[in-house]
Amino acid sequence: MTSSELIFQSTDLAQRRTEFLDAARNGMARLRDKDGTSLVMLPERQLHLLEELRKWSSVHMRLERMLGRTDFRPTVQNLGDLAWLRVFDCEDLREFAAELNEALVAADSDNSTAPLEDCLRAWRTTAQQLEDPLRRSVLLDKKAPTDLIDAERPE
C-alpha cells in the first residue's frame, strides 16, 4: 500500500505519528477525522505550488476570455489586478497569455514555481521599462537604416 492510499485515523497520531510525518514528507499523508472529514498533510512547497498554479491558471483563463472579445482594450479598469500589463497592446497580451500557458505547464511538470516566476518576472520587467516614455521609444520606435551610423573603434 502506498502512502497516498494509506489513510490514518486521528487515533493513529499518538502511536504512528512518525509514520504519518514520513508519509507527509514523502508527498502526502491522509487523515480521517472523527467526523469523517478527510484531511491531507503535504510539504508546504507543494501547497505553494498548487496555490500558484490555481491562481495563475485562473488569471490565464480570464485573460484569454478578455482577449477573445473584439471590443477589448488593455486599460487599468479592464485588466484589474493585471493592470501592470496595461503598457502592452493586444498582440503583446496574446503573446504573454501564450507564454503564461507554457510556464504553467512547465511549472506543473517540473513540480516547481520557478518557470512561472521566471515568466512573470520577465514580463513585469519589460512592463516597467515600457512605462518610461524614453525607453519605450528606444525599444518600440521603428528605426531606418539611415538612423544608424558605424562607430569608430576607440583607441
C-alpha atoms as a PDB file:
ATOM      1  CA  MET A   1       0.000   0.000   0.000  1.00  0.00           C
ATOM      2  CA  THR A   2       1.450   3.361  -0.983  1.00  0.00           C
ATOM      3  CA  SER A   3       1.436   6.329   1.370  1.00  0.00           C
ATOM      4  CA  SER A   4      -1.236   8.034  -0.753  1.00  0.00           C
ATOM      5  CA  GLU A   5      -3.525   5.004  -0.340  1.00  0.00           C
ATOM      6  CA  LEU A   6      -2.955   4.711   3.415  1.00  0.00           C
ATOM      7  CA  ILE A   7      -5.474   6.662   5.458  1.00  0.00           C
ATOM      8  CA  PHE A   8      -4.545   7.348   9.051  1.00  0.00           C
ATOM      9  CA  GLN A   9      -7.175   7.722  11.753  1.00  0.00           C
ATOM     10  CA  SER A  10      -6.990  10.537  14.297  1.00  0.00           C
ATOM     11  CA  THR A  11      -6.330   7.902  16.950  1.00  0.00           C
ATOM     12  CA  ASP A  12      -3.217   6.814  14.978  1.00  0.00           C
ATOM     13  CA  LEU A  13      -1.462  10.118  15.581  1.00  0.00           C
ATOM     14  CA  ALA A  14      -0.318   9.168  19.080  1.00  0.00           C
ATOM     15  CA  GLN A  15       1.362   5.876  18.154  1.00  0.00           C
ATOM     16  CA  ARG A  16       2.069   6.284  14.419  1.00  0.00           C
ATOM     17  CA  ARG A  17       2.985   9.976  14.268  1.00  0.00           C
ATOM     18  CA  THR A  18       6.449   9.238  12.809  1.00  0.00           C
ATOM     19  CA  GLU A  19       4.908   7.155  10.027  1.00  0.00           C
ATOM     20  CA  PHE A  20       2.327   9.895   9.419  1.00  0.00           C
ATOM     21  CA  LEU A  21       5.025  12.594   9.213  1.00  0.00           C
ATOM     22  CA  ASP A  22       7.188  10.433   6.940  1.00  0.00           C
ATOM     23  CA  ALA A  23       4.254   9.968   4.580  1.00  0.00           C
ATOM     24  CA  ALA A  24       3.675  13.745   4.566  1.00  0.00           C
ATOM     25  CA  ARG A  25       7.374  14.445   3.903  1.00  0.00           C
ATOM     26  CA  ASN A  26       7.269  11.985   1.006  1.00  0.00           C
ATOM     27  CA  GLY A  27       4.399  13.792  -0.667  1.00  0.00           C
ATOM     28  CA  MET A  28       1.131  13.336   1.186  1.00  0.00           C
ATOM     29  CA  ALA A  29      -0.433  11.881   4.310  1.00  0.00           C
ATOM     30  CA  ARG A  30      -4.184  11.370   4.624  1.00  0.00           C
ATOM     31  CA  LEU A  31      -6.011  11.592   7.921  1.00  0.00           C
ATOM     32  CA  ARG A  32      -9.659  10.703   8.545  1.00  0.00           C
ATOM     33  CA  ASP A  33     -11.078  12.850  11.351  1.00  0.00           C
ATOM     34  CA  LYS A  34     -13.599  11.505  13.860  1.00  0.00           C
ATOM     35  CA  ASP A  35     -16.443  13.179  11.962  1.00  0.00           C
ATOM     36  CA  GLY A  36     -15.341  11.552   8.678  1.00  0.00           C
ATOM     37  CA  THR A  37     -13.640  14.634   7.252  1.00  0.00           C
ATOM     38  CA  SER A  38     -10.649  13.723   5.107  1.00  0.00           C
ATOM     39  CA  LEU A  39      -7.586  15.875   5.824  1.00  0.00           C
ATOM     40  CA  VAL A  40      -4.328  15.931   3.891  1.00  0.00           C
ATOM     41  CA  MET A  41      -0.856  16.918   5.062  1.00  0.00           C
ATOM     42  CA  LEU A  42       1.801  17.681   2.472  1.00  0.00           C
ATOM     43  CA  PRO A  43       5.050  19.650   2.211  1.00  0.00           C
ATOM     44  CA  GLU A  44       4.452  23.411   2.232  1.00  0.00           C
ATOM     45  CA  ARG A  45       6.307  23.867  -1.074  1.00  0.00           C
ATOM     46  CA  GLN A  46       3.768  21.533  -2.702  1.00  0.00           C
ATOM     47  CA  LEU A  47       0.886  23.545  -1.263  1.00  0.00           C
ATOM     48  CA  HIS A  48       2.534  26.757  -2.505  1.00  0.00           C
ATOM     49  CA  LEU A  49       2.884  25.242  -5.995  1.00  0.00           C
ATOM     50  CA  LEU A  50      -0.784  24.223  -6.040  1.00  0.00           C
ATOM     51  CA  GLU A  51      -1.884  27.683  -4.878  1.00  0.00           C
ATOM     52  CA  GLU A  52       0.220  29.429  -7.531  1.00  0.00           C
ATOM     53  CA  LEU A  53      -0.973  27.084 -10.291  1.00  0.00           C
ATOM     54  CA  ARG A  54      -4.595  27.704  -9.271  1.00  0.00           C
ATOM     55  CA  LYS A  55      -4.141  31.479  -9.104  1.00  0.00           C
ATOM     56  CA  TRP A  56      -2.292  31.888 -12.413  1.00  0.00           C
ATOM     57  CA  SER A  57      -4.459  29.345 -14.256  1.00  0.00           C
ATOM     58  CA  SER A  58      -7.469  31.425 -13.266  1.00  0.00           C
ATOM     59  CA  VAL A  59      -5.682  34.607 -14.398  1.00  0.00           C
ATOM     60  CA  HIS A  60      -4.764  32.930 -17.690  1.00  0.00           C
ATOM     61  CA  MET A  61      -8.347  31.861 -18.389  1.00  0.00           C
ATOM     62  CA  ARG A  62      -9.663  35.345 -17.546  1.00  0.00           C
ATOM     63  CA  LEU A  63      -7.080  36.996 -19.810  1.00  0.00           C
ATOM     64  CA  GLU A  64      -7.893  34.607 -22.666  1.00  0.00           C
ATOM     65  CA  ARG A  65     -11.603  35.463 -22.311  1.00  0.00           C
ATOM     66  CA  MET A  66     -10.830  39.198 -22.370  1.00  0.00           C
ATOM     67  CA  LEU A  67      -8.590  38.836 -25.425  1.00  0.00           C
ATOM     68  CA  GLY A  68     -11.345  36.912 -27.197  1.00  0.00           C
ATOM     69  CA  ARG A  69     -13.643  39.933 -27.079  1.00  0.00           C
ATOM     70  CA  THR A  70     -13.435  42.143 -30.155  1.00  0.00           C
ATOM     71  CA  ASP A  71     -14.044  45.299 -28.100  1.00  0.00           C
ATOM     72  CA  PHE A  72     -11.304  44.587 -25.520  1.00  0.00           C
ATOM     73  CA  ARG A  73      -8.819  47.362 -24.767  1.00  0.00           C
ATOM     74  CA  PRO A  74      -5.978  46.894 -22.228  1.00  0.00           C
ATOM     75  CA  THR A  75      -6.969  49.553 -19.696  1.00  0.00           C
ATOM     76  CA  VAL A  76      -6.421  49.547 -15.935  1.00  0.00           C
ATOM     77  CA  GLN A  77     -10.142  49.022 -15.417  1.00  0.00           C
ATOM     78  CA  ASN A  78     -10.329  46.097 -17.854  1.00  0.00           C
ATOM     79  CA  LEU A  79      -7.178  44.406 -16.553  1.00  0.00           C
ATOM     80  CA  GLY A  80      -7.881  44.795 -12.823  1.00  0.00           C
ATOM     81  CA  ASP A  81      -5.132  43.019 -10.865  1.00  0.00           C
ATOM     82  CA  LEU A  82      -3.265  42.608 -14.159  1.00  0.00           C
ATOM     83  CA  ALA A  83      -3.054  46.390 -14.571  1.00  0.00           C
ATOM     84  CA  TRP A  84       0.740  46.126 -14.780  1.00  0.00           C
ATOM     85  CA  LEU A  85       0.130  44.727 -18.299  1.00  0.00           C
ATOM     86  CA  ARG A  86      -1.572  47.939 -19.489  1.00  0.00           C
ATOM     87  CA  VAL A  87       1.538  49.093 -21.389  1.00  0.00           C
ATOM     88  CA  PHE A  88       1.145  46.206 -23.835  1.00  0.00           C
ATOM     89  CA  ASP A  89      -1.119  46.109 -26.862  1.00  0.00           C
ATOM     90  CA  CYS A  90      -3.451  43.183 -27.561  1.00  0.00           C
ATOM     91  CA  GLU A  91      -0.866  41.384 -29.697  1.00  0.00           C
ATOM     92  CA  ASP A  92       1.664  41.521 -26.849  1.00  0.00           C
ATOM     93  CA  LEU A  93      -1.001  40.389 -24.385  1.00  0.00           C
ATOM     94  CA  ARG A  94      -1.708  37.360 -26.583  1.00  0.00           C
ATOM     95  CA  GLU A  95       2.000  36.562 -26.515  1.00  0.00           C
ATOM     96  CA  PHE A  96       2.000  36.949 -22.713  1.00  0.00           C
ATOM     97  CA  ALA A  97      -1.006  34.616 -22.445  1.00  0.00           C
ATOM     98  CA  ALA A  98       0.774  32.007 -24.591  1.00  0.00           C
ATOM     99  CA  GLU A  99       3.973  32.259 -22.530  1.00  0.00           C
ATOM    100  CA  LEU A 100       1.974  32.130 -19.295  1.00  0.00           C
ATOM    101  CA  ASN A 101       0.295  28.942 -20.507  1.00  0.00           C
ATOM    102  CA  GLU A 102       3.689  27.380 -21.287  1.00  0.00           C
ATOM    103  CA  ALA A 103       5.016  28.459 -17.884  1.00  0.00           C
ATOM    104  CA  LEU A 104       2.021  26.900 -16.131  1.00  0.00           C
ATOM    105  CA  VAL A 105       2.537  23.592 -17.934  1.00  0.00           C
ATOM    106  CA  ALA A 106       6.278  23.659 -17.181  1.00  0.00           C
ATOM    107  CA  ALA A 107       5.698  24.541 -13.508  1.00  0.00           C
ATOM    108  CA  ASP A 108       3.274  21.656 -13.127  1.00  0.00           C
ATOM    109  CA  SER A 109       5.586  19.274 -14.972  1.00  0.00           C
ATOM    110  CA  ASP A 110       8.685  20.385 -13.034  1.00  0.00           C
ATOM    111  CA  ASN A 111       6.807  20.447  -9.731  1.00  0.00           C
ATOM    112  CA  SER A 112       8.281  23.919  -9.214  1.00  0.00           C
ATOM    113  CA  THR A 113       7.079  27.508  -9.408  1.00  0.00           C
ATOM    114  CA  ALA A 114      10.402  28.585 -10.990  1.00  0.00           C
ATOM    115  CA  PRO A 115       9.194  28.575 -14.650  1.00  0.00           C
ATOM    116  CA  LEU A 116       6.133  30.597 -13.664  1.00  0.00           C
ATOM    117  CA  GLU A 117       8.172  33.051 -11.579  1.00  0.00           C
ATOM    118  CA  ASP A 118      10.695  33.479 -14.423  1.00  0.00           C
ATOM    119  CA  CYS A 119       7.939  34.228 -16.939  1.00  0.00           C
ATOM    120  CA  LEU A 120       6.214  36.752 -14.685  1.00  0.00           C
ATOM    121  CA  ARG A 121       9.495  38.446 -13.713  1.00  0.00           C
ATOM    122  CA  ALA A 122      10.483  38.882 -17.378  1.00  0.00           C
ATOM    123  CA  TRP A 123       7.117  40.373 -18.368  1.00  0.00           C
ATOM    124  CA  ARG A 124       6.970  42.655 -15.311  1.00  0.00           C
ATOM    125  CA  THR A 125      10.490  43.907 -16.007  1.00  0.00           C
ATOM    126  CA  THR A 126       9.545  44.647 -19.613  1.00  0.00           C
ATOM    127  CA  ALA A 127       6.356  46.402 -18.484  1.00  0.00           C
ATOM    128  CA  GLN A 128       8.359  48.573 -16.082  1.00  0.00           C
ATOM    129  CA  GLN A 129      10.763  49.550 -18.862  1.00  0.00           C
ATOM    130  CA  LEU A 130       7.903  50.438 -21.207  1.00  0.00           C
ATOM    131  CA  GLU A 131       6.401  52.765 -18.571  1.00  0.00           C
ATOM    132  CA  ASP A 132       9.261  55.208 -19.244  1.00  0.00           C
ATOM    133  CA  PRO A 133       8.491  57.166 -22.467  1.00  0.00           C
ATOM    134  CA  LEU A 134      12.175  57.431 -23.481  1.00  0.00           C
ATOM    135  CA  ARG A 135      12.821  53.724 -23.015  1.00  0.00           C
ATOM    136  CA  ARG A 136       9.552  52.939 -24.777  1.00  0.00           C
ATOM    137  CA  SER A 137      10.588  54.977 -27.818  1.00  0.00           C
ATOM    138  CA  VAL A 138      14.024  53.331 -27.909  1.00  0.00           C
ATOM    139  CA  LEU A 139      12.512  49.862 -27.642  1.00  0.00           C
ATOM    140  CA  LEU A 140       9.479  50.234 -29.912  1.00  0.00           C
ATOM    141  CA  ASP A 141      10.041  53.023 -32.433  1.00  0.00           C
ATOM    142  CA  LYS A 142      10.782  51.914 -35.958  1.00  0.00           C
ATOM    143  CA  LYS A 143      14.369  52.550 -36.989  1.00  0.00           C
ATOM    144  CA  ALA A 144      15.504  53.268 -40.530  1.00  0.00           C
ATOM    145  CA  PRO A 145      18.973  52.177 -41.671  1.00  0.00           C
ATOM    146  CA  THR A 146      19.835  55.863 -42.093  1.00  0.00           C
ATOM    147  CA  ASP A 147      19.236  56.370 -38.355  1.00  0.00           C
ATOM    148  CA  LEU A 148      22.298  54.265 -37.623  1.00  0.00           C
ATOM    149  CA  ILE A 149      25.964  55.022 -38.215  1.00  0.00           C
ATOM    150  CA  ASP A 150      29.113  52.976 -37.905  1.00  0.00           C
ATOM    151  CA  ALA A 151      31.077  53.666 -34.768  1.00  0.00           C
ATOM    152  CA  GLU A 152      34.841  54.016 -34.786  1.00  0.00           C
ATOM    153  CA  ARG A 153      36.746  51.691 -32.521  1.00  0.00           C
ATOM    154  CA  PRO A 154      38.231  53.716 -29.625  1.00  0.00           C
ATOM    155  CA  GLU A 155      41.998  53.767 -29.377  1.00  0.00           C
END
